[in-house]
């Protein structure tokens, strides 16, 4: 069965639309959306497939979805905005803003360490529960008290979920409001963008059911089979010791639960439409709907490479590269050009900006894949070919 695709594409971007349509091949239960802005203007706005495979409900123009670690990029924008306004310093000690964080030998940790996955807190030492992770003070208090897993600043390992609480608490202390409230006031409100960190109850009906696809299920089975002896810190980084499934979702667990989606979990819990994400990323590099979120000077500081190469808790290459919370172009995540920046998310989500071409890009899907998932990559490749052919 061929997925029904709706929406609009500006003339000249037909190859991009074709790549989006091909992403549905062999995936009858998949839903997805693609949005691209160029120099602030929409050039692609497409959606299709199934929002809920259990009911067959279609993905519509109004469908939103969990975007997982794409949320980290949105939080990085908030941190950069505070730097731009002079309220936050990447080089400052975390304890300058969050004094309680200095416990257990963490007193010399810098804000940049939190943003570049160098804080030594990629996973909790204690097991967390689903009730714990929806309580902000419980998690941030635990992280403030925890002894780091390695010397902060000496190396990096991806802080898959804890990233959001760590830099989020700094943002909360500086901004004087929660991450979700600050995001709504400083970003989505001015842009009119459909994205949330902490989903309002009135928007819950719009959210697609995320499902684990065959390749992600196969990867999980491999990880269980090949798990190292002793504590698997990379596994704990995802599950938080049992609070979340390995794949982050199940039909009745993880980020498919309304209570989890309503909580502010800024490492992975953002909800958005592709249209909303594309507008946000567009506004980091070009005036978009009358808004420019970040200036060139701020971006220069935020995009300097802070972490790359082999992580503390080893995983096979290719390895990513990080600036101040922003995922940079690398062999692990190839964006449009070497100057692109953004963040991808579990299961196939990709959102980024490209200064050279004035692009804001977002591809989101509810069918979570892993091994050899080329859906977004092929769309980005088609976009590159389109732009280079002009």
Foldseek 3Di string as FASTA:
>chain_A
DQKDKDDDAAPLLVLLVVLLSCLCVPPQQKWKWKWKAFLQHTGDTMIIHALESVVRHIQDSLAKEFQFQLLLQLLLLLQLLCVVVVLDDQADFLCVQVVLLPAQPQRNAGNLLLQFQQSQPLAAPDADALVQLLDLCSLLNRNSHDHGNDNGPPFHDHSQQVSCSSNQSSSCSRVVHGPFVCCCVQFCVLQVFFKTQADDPVSLVRYGAFDEAPQNVVVVVVCVVPPDPDDDRVQRSQCNNPHAPSLQDDCDHGQNDNSQLRGRRSSTNMMHHFNRQFSRQLLCQHQHSNHRSHDPVSVVQQAPWSHADAGPNGDDDDIWTGGRSWTAADPVDHAQDRQKIGDHRFQGWDWIADNVRSMTITMDMSHRHDPPSCSVVSSRVSVNVSVVVD
